[in-house]
Amino acid sequence: SDLAVTVVHMLEALRAQTRKRKNYEEALATYKLAIAIDPTDRDSLPLYHAGQILFYQGMHDEAEAFLHRAVTGYFSPLTIQEEEIWHDYGLVLWFRDKAQLAADNLQKAISINPRFTKALNNLACVCGYGSLSGKLPAEYSQYGLGALQEALSVEPNS
């Protein structure tokens, strides 16, 4: 309903203030409240930010659940760059020992923004380490080198 959307936007403003103060627990609680008000996941932003906070806190299981909902929800280009959500989902999947899915989602971020050096660098790491550790097939080392070369061509200091 329109009321739910208005409340979610008000909670987003509150969340922004608490995040700026680095009060992540309060911000996370506010995100979870906004998510509860909007059970249809019409806005991915609270899901994304809740997943980010949980990821940074090392709570990768819960972060994965929120970020999965974020990548399957509604994106508003006015509030976030979609590639950031796919990137962070890829990272959390890596930490959940899901190397192939991590690489796939980092690649989705790059397909949205081919000049996204953060995703290129992390794809290089996932592919390189994943192939060396046996989590990914050996040919992924070449994908990793390609991603690193692309990142360096876009931003030589990356």
Protein backbone atom coordinates (compact mmCIF):
# COMPACT_ATOMS: atom_id res chain seq x y z
CA SER A 1 0.00 0.00 0.00
CA ASP A 2 1.02 3.64 -0.32
CA LEU A 3 1.22 3.93 3.46
CA ALA A 4 3.71 1.07 3.65
CA VAL A 5 5.86 2.70 0.97
CA THR A 6 5.78 6.03 2.84
CA VAL A 7 6.74 4.35 6.11
CA VAL A 8 9.57 2.47 4.40
CA HIS A 9 10.91 5.77 3.00
CA MET A 10 10.72 7.40 6.43
CA LEU A 11 12.58 4.46 7.94
CA GLU A 12 15.19 4.74 5.20
CA ALA A 13 15.81 8.37 6.20
CA LEU A 14 16.18 7.31 9.85
CA ARG A 15 18.52 4.52 8.81
CA ALA A 16 20.70 6.95 6.86
CA GLN A 17 21.12 9.09 9.97
CA THR A 18 22.01 6.12 12.20
CA ARG A 19 24.46 4.75 9.65
CA LYS A 20 26.23 8.11 9.39
CA ARG A 21 26.68 7.98 13.17
CA LYS A 22 28.12 4.45 12.71
CA ASN A 23 25.40 3.01 14.91
CA TYR A 24 25.13 -0.17 12.86
CA GLU A 25 23.01 -2.11 15.34
CA GLU A 26 20.37 0.61 15.34
CA ALA A 27 20.58 0.89 11.55
CA LEU A 28 20.19 -2.88 11.19
CA ALA A 29 17.14 -2.86 13.47
CA THR A 30 15.63 -0.06 11.38
CA TYR A 31 16.31 -1.96 8.15
CA LYS A 32 14.68 -5.07 9.56
CA LEU A 33 11.63 -3.02 10.55
CA ALA A 34 11.39 -1.58 7.02
CA ILE A 35 11.70 -5.09 5.58
CA ALA A 36 8.93 -6.37 7.86
CA ILE A 37 6.64 -3.55 6.73
CA ASP A 38 7.27 -4.41 3.06
CA PRO A 39 7.02 -8.22 2.89
CA THR A 40 6.74 -8.11 -0.91
CA ASP A 41 10.33 -6.82 -1.18
CA ARG A 42 9.32 -3.96 -3.46
CA ASP A 43 12.41 -2.07 -2.35
CA SER A 44 15.78 -3.84 -2.35
CA LEU A 45 17.61 -1.06 -0.53
CA PRO A 46 16.80 -2.13 3.07
CA LEU A 47 17.62 -5.75 2.17
CA TYR A 48 20.90 -4.69 0.60
CA HIS A 49 22.01 -2.53 3.52
CA ALA A 50 20.97 -5.11 6.12
CA GLY A 51 23.00 -7.69 4.18
CA GLN A 52 25.99 -5.33 4.07
CA ILE A 53 25.97 -4.75 7.81
CA LEU A 54 25.62 -8.46 8.55
CA PHE A 55 28.44 -9.23 6.11
CA TYR A 56 30.76 -6.74 7.82
CA GLN A 57 29.82 -8.26 11.17
CA GLY A 58 30.85 -11.70 9.88
CA MET A 59 27.30 -13.06 9.95
CA HIS A 60 27.57 -14.51 6.46
CA ASP A 61 24.61 -16.93 6.63
CA GLU A 62 22.14 -14.19 7.46
CA ALA A 63 23.85 -11.72 5.10
CA GLU A 64 23.46 -14.19 2.24
CA ALA A 65 19.73 -14.51 2.89
CA PHE A 66 19.18 -10.73 2.84
CA LEU A 67 21.39 -10.16 -0.20
CA HIS A 68 19.69 -12.97 -2.10
CA ARG A 69 16.35 -11.29 -1.50
CA ALA A 70 17.89 -7.98 -2.59
CA VAL A 71 19.11 -9.33 -5.94
CA THR A 72 15.72 -10.89 -6.62
CA GLY A 73 13.76 -7.80 -5.56
CA TYR A 74 13.03 -4.42 -7.09
CA PHE A 75 15.94 -2.11 -7.91
CA SER A 76 15.49 1.63 -8.09
CA PRO A 77 18.25 3.33 -10.09
CA LEU A 78 17.46 6.50 -8.18
CA THR A 79 18.65 5.02 -4.89
CA ILE A 80 21.46 2.56 -5.69
CA GLN A 81 23.66 1.28 -8.43
CA GLU A 82 22.50 -2.26 -9.07
CA GLU A 83 26.02 -3.59 -9.63
CA GLU A 84 26.86 -2.88 -5.98
CA ILE A 85 24.19 -5.34 -4.84
CA TRP A 86 25.43 -8.09 -7.18
CA HIS A 87 29.02 -7.41 -6.06
CA ASP A 88 28.26 -7.70 -2.37
CA TYR A 89 26.16 -10.81 -2.97
CA GLY A 90 29.12 -12.33 -4.80
CA LEU A 91 31.43 -11.53 -1.89
CA VAL A 92 29.16 -13.07 0.71
CA LEU A 93 28.81 -16.19 -1.45
CA TRP A 94 32.61 -16.49 -1.51
CA PHE A 95 32.70 -16.34 2.28
CA ARG A 96 29.95 -18.99 2.37
CA ASP A 97 32.27 -21.27 0.36
CA LYS A 98 30.17 -21.01 -2.80
CA ALA A 99 32.97 -20.13 -5.20
CA GLN A 100 31.14 -20.74 -8.49
CA LEU A 101 28.13 -18.68 -7.43
CA ALA A 102 30.47 -15.95 -6.16
CA ALA A 103 32.20 -15.75 -9.54
CA ASP A 104 28.86 -15.77 -11.38
CA ASN A 105 27.45 -12.90 -9.32
CA LEU A 106 30.61 -10.81 -9.55
CA GLN A 107 30.39 -11.31 -13.31
CA LYS A 108 26.78 -10.05 -13.20
CA ALA A 109 28.03 -6.88 -11.51
CA ILE A 110 30.60 -6.44 -14.26
CA SER A 111 28.06 -7.06 -17.00
CA ILE A 112 26.04 -4.14 -15.58
CA ASN A 113 29.09 -1.91 -15.27
CA PRO A 114 32.15 -3.16 -17.20
CA ARG A 115 34.31 -0.44 -15.58
CA PHE A 116 33.48 -1.49 -12.00
CA THR A 117 37.02 -2.05 -10.78
CA LYS A 118 35.99 -3.25 -7.32
CA ALA A 119 34.11 -6.16 -8.92
CA LEU A 120 36.91 -6.80 -11.43
CA ASN A 121 39.48 -6.97 -8.63
CA ASN A 122 37.33 -9.26 -6.51
CA LEU A 123 36.51 -11.48 -9.50
CA ALA A 124 40.26 -11.76 -10.11
CA CYS A 125 40.79 -12.83 -6.50
CA VAL A 126 37.88 -15.30 -6.48
CA CYS A 127 38.96 -16.88 -9.78
CA GLY A 128 42.66 -16.93 -8.96
CA TYR A 129 42.41 -18.27 -5.44
CA GLY A 130 39.43 -20.46 -6.33
CA SER A 131 41.37 -22.19 -9.11
CA LEU A 132 44.53 -22.58 -6.98
CA SER A 133 42.59 -24.01 -4.05
CA GLY A 134 40.51 -26.40 -6.17
CA LYS A 135 37.23 -24.60 -5.45
CA LEU A 136 36.99 -23.69 -9.13
CA PRO A 137 38.30 -25.40 -12.28
CA ALA A 138 41.91 -24.62 -13.25
CA GLU A 139 40.86 -22.51 -16.27
CA TYR A 140 39.42 -19.94 -13.87
CA SER A 141 42.97 -18.74 -13.20
CA GLN A 142 42.92 -17.32 -16.74
CA TYR A 143 39.57 -15.62 -16.07
CA GLY A 144 41.12 -14.12 -12.95
CA LEU A 145 44.10 -12.78 -14.87
CA GLY A 146 41.77 -11.32 -17.48
CA ALA A 147 39.70 -9.58 -14.81
CA LEU A 148 42.85 -8.19 -13.19
CA GLN A 149 44.17 -6.91 -16.53
CA GLU A 150 40.81 -5.26 -17.23
CA ALA A 151 40.76 -3.62 -13.78
CA LEU A 152 44.25 -2.25 -14.35
CA SER A 153 43.33 -0.93 -17.80
CA VAL A 154 40.33 0.89 -16.32
CA GLU A 155 42.11 2.17 -13.21
CA PRO A 156 45.90 1.61 -13.14
CA ASN A 157 46.02 2.23 -9.36
CA SER A 158 43.35 -0.34 -8.54
